Amino acid sequence: MGAADHKDGAKRETARVAVLTVSDTRTASNDASGDLAVGLLQAAGHEVKRRIVPNGLASVGGALREALEFSDLALTLGGTGISKKDLSVDAARTFLATELPGFGELFRSLSAVEIGTATILSRALLGLTESRKLICCLPGSEGAVRLALEKILVPELPHLLRELRKS
């Protein structure tokens, strides 16, 4: 069975996704990246819950813990850079049993076409928890969210879920 067969067999897999916008300045009325993520995921047939979370290890960690109780994928938007407030990846790694480095590598490769060498500042991440849930951390810009969801996550999420649900 080839890669195309695996993807075809997974097309009916639906995910429960928690979208967590990590920001001290975003609100429900100005979270364009969150709106975009929710719209793209729902258009692909996934069930989505959404929350805005303040920056901080404890706040992001707590939100991830809650999200993992009901979701197949906890998706953070923001907090993947190198500033002192960028702690989403650090919080997420405390939950991960396995990282999937190909996601970050592919994201940065595709992103380089759009933004050039500034892509080295991104710590975009995808990984698995012990309980076989996914955590993905994306930069908070609309461009990054669109790129990651349209080019990588939405096409691969059913395949990822199928593989995780086999176990």
Protein backbone atom coordinates (compact mmCIF):
# COMPACT_ATOMS: atom_id res chain seq x y z
CA MET A 1 0.00 0.00 0.00
CA GLY A 2 1.55 3.31 -1.10
CA ALA A 3 1.38 6.75 0.51
CA ALA A 4 -1.56 7.73 -1.70
CA ASP A 5 -3.48 4.64 -0.54
CA HIS A 6 -2.89 5.55 3.12
CA LYS A 7 -4.17 9.08 2.50
CA ASP A 8 -7.21 7.89 0.55
CA GLY A 9 -8.13 5.50 3.32
CA ALA A 10 -7.86 8.27 5.90
CA LYS A 11 -10.03 10.91 4.21
CA ARG A 12 -12.98 10.21 6.52
CA GLU A 13 -11.07 10.75 9.74
CA THR A 14 -12.43 13.74 11.67
CA ALA A 15 -10.52 15.51 14.42
CA ARG A 16 -11.52 17.37 17.54
CA VAL A 17 -9.22 20.38 17.52
CA ALA A 18 -8.51 22.96 20.21
CA VAL A 19 -7.23 26.23 18.73
CA LEU A 20 -5.33 28.18 21.38
CA THR A 21 -4.28 31.69 20.42
CA VAL A 22 -1.40 32.60 22.73
CA SER A 23 -1.30 36.37 23.19
CA ASP A 24 -1.57 39.17 25.70
CA THR A 25 -3.14 41.49 23.12
CA ARG A 26 -5.54 39.40 21.02
CA THR A 27 -9.23 39.30 21.78
CA ALA A 28 -12.15 37.46 20.19
CA SER A 29 -12.76 40.55 18.04
CA ASN A 30 -9.21 40.94 16.66
CA ASP A 31 -7.87 37.38 16.47
CA ALA A 32 -7.64 37.12 12.68
CA SER A 33 -5.26 34.15 12.81
CA GLY A 34 -7.62 32.28 15.13
CA ASP A 35 -10.55 33.06 12.82
CA LEU A 36 -8.54 31.75 9.88
CA ALA A 37 -7.52 28.53 11.68
CA VAL A 38 -11.07 27.81 12.81
CA GLY A 39 -12.44 28.47 9.33
CA LEU A 40 -9.92 26.23 7.56
CA LEU A 41 -10.32 23.38 10.05
CA GLN A 42 -14.12 23.52 10.03
CA ALA A 43 -14.18 23.68 6.22
CA ALA A 44 -12.19 20.42 6.27
CA GLY A 45 -14.89 18.85 8.47
CA HIS A 46 -13.16 19.01 11.85
CA GLU A 47 -14.80 19.95 15.15
CA VAL A 48 -13.13 23.03 16.65
CA LYS A 49 -13.09 24.70 20.05
CA ARG A 50 -11.24 27.95 20.52
CA ARG A 51 -9.64 29.90 23.34
CA ILE A 52 -7.32 32.87 23.82
CA VAL A 53 -4.55 32.19 26.33
CA PRO A 54 -2.16 34.73 27.89
CA ASN A 55 1.57 34.28 27.39
CA GLY A 56 3.30 32.28 30.10
CA LEU A 57 4.43 28.73 30.78
CA ALA A 58 1.75 28.11 33.38
CA SER A 59 -1.11 29.60 31.35
CA VAL A 60 -0.15 27.82 28.11
CA GLY A 61 0.58 24.57 29.95
CA GLY A 62 -2.78 24.71 31.72
CA ALA A 63 -4.63 25.45 28.49
CA LEU A 64 -2.86 22.57 26.74
CA ARG A 65 -3.68 20.19 29.61
CA GLU A 66 -7.38 21.12 29.37
CA ALA A 67 -7.39 20.96 25.58
CA LEU A 68 -5.86 17.50 25.52
CA GLU A 69 -8.75 16.17 27.62
CA PHE A 70 -11.20 16.58 24.74
CA SER A 71 -9.15 17.08 21.58
CA ASP A 72 -7.13 14.98 19.15
CA LEU A 73 -5.04 18.04 18.28
CA ALA A 74 -4.14 21.02 20.43
CA LEU A 75 -3.00 23.80 18.09
CA THR A 76 -1.27 26.86 19.52
CA LEU A 77 -0.99 30.05 17.48
CA GLY A 78 1.79 32.35 18.62
CA GLY A 79 4.67 32.00 21.03
CA THR A 80 7.03 30.15 18.69
CA GLY A 81 9.66 32.83 18.25
CA ILE A 82 12.65 33.79 20.36
CA SER A 83 11.40 36.63 22.53
CA LYS A 84 11.14 36.16 26.30
CA LYS A 85 7.35 35.87 25.96
CA ASP A 86 7.51 33.13 23.30
CA LEU A 87 6.86 30.11 25.51
CA SER A 88 4.33 27.99 23.62
CA VAL A 89 6.92 25.52 22.36
CA ASP A 90 8.52 25.25 25.80
CA ALA A 91 5.14 24.52 27.40
CA ALA A 92 4.20 22.03 24.67
CA ARG A 93 7.43 20.06 24.96
CA THR A 94 6.59 19.20 28.58
CA PHE A 95 3.68 17.11 27.22
CA LEU A 96 5.43 15.44 24.29
CA ALA A 97 6.62 11.86 24.19
CA THR A 98 7.63 12.07 20.52
CA GLU A 99 8.43 15.01 18.29
CA LEU A 100 7.75 14.85 14.56
CA PRO A 101 10.62 17.01 13.29
CA GLY A 102 9.55 16.72 9.66
CA PHE A 103 6.70 19.13 10.34
CA GLY A 104 8.93 21.97 11.51
CA GLU A 105 11.45 21.28 8.77
CA LEU A 106 8.78 21.34 6.07
CA PHE A 107 7.05 24.38 7.55
CA ARG A 108 10.30 26.36 7.62
CA SER A 109 11.20 25.21 4.10
CA LEU A 110 7.86 26.35 2.69
CA SER A 111 7.94 29.49 4.81
CA ALA A 112 11.37 30.47 3.46
CA VAL A 113 9.82 30.86 0.02
CA GLU A 114 7.43 33.47 1.46
CA ILE A 115 9.50 35.28 4.09
CA GLY A 116 13.09 34.39 3.34
CA THR A 117 15.71 33.69 5.93
CA ALA A 118 13.62 35.14 8.79
CA THR A 119 12.08 31.67 8.96
CA ILE A 120 15.01 30.61 11.17
CA LEU A 121 13.32 32.48 14.03
CA SER A 122 10.39 30.04 14.01
CA ARG A 123 10.28 27.07 16.37
CA ALA A 124 7.14 25.58 14.75
CA LEU A 125 6.56 22.13 16.22
CA LEU A 126 4.43 19.00 15.96
CA GLY A 127 4.52 16.09 18.36
CA LEU A 128 2.68 13.30 20.14
CA THR A 129 1.79 12.94 23.79
CA GLU A 130 1.96 9.62 25.67
CA SER A 131 -1.83 9.39 25.27
CA ARG A 132 -1.45 9.61 21.47
CA LYS A 133 -2.73 13.17 21.09
CA LEU A 134 -1.14 15.75 18.80
CA ILE A 135 0.22 19.13 19.80
CA CYS A 136 1.18 21.62 17.12
CA CYS A 137 2.70 25.04 17.74
CA LEU A 138 2.53 27.61 14.94
CA PRO A 139 3.64 31.21 14.64
CA GLY A 140 0.73 33.58 15.18
CA SER A 141 0.76 35.42 11.84
CA GLU A 142 -2.06 34.85 9.39
CA GLY A 143 0.45 33.91 6.71
CA ALA A 144 2.05 31.24 8.88
CA VAL A 145 -1.32 29.83 9.94
CA ARG A 146 -2.57 29.71 6.35
CA LEU A 147 0.63 28.07 5.10
CA ALA A 148 0.78 25.45 7.85
CA LEU A 149 -2.89 24.52 7.68
CA GLU A 150 -3.43 24.62 3.93
CA LYS A 151 -0.16 23.03 2.87
CA ILE A 152 0.57 20.60 5.71
CA LEU A 153 -1.89 20.02 8.57
CA VAL A 154 -5.28 19.96 6.85
CA PRO A 155 -4.05 17.57 4.13
CA GLU A 156 -2.18 15.31 6.58
CA LEU A 157 -4.45 15.41 9.64
CA PRO A 158 -6.71 12.54 8.54
CA HIS A 159 -3.65 10.41 7.81
CA LEU A 160 -2.10 11.29 11.18
CA LEU A 161 -5.36 10.42 12.95
CA ARG A 162 -5.70 7.13 11.14
CA GLU A 163 -2.19 6.12 12.19
CA LEU A 164 -2.74 7.23 15.80
CA ARG A 165 -6.08 5.45 16.07
CA LYS A 166 -4.60 2.15 14.86
CA SER A 167 -2.55 1.86 18.03
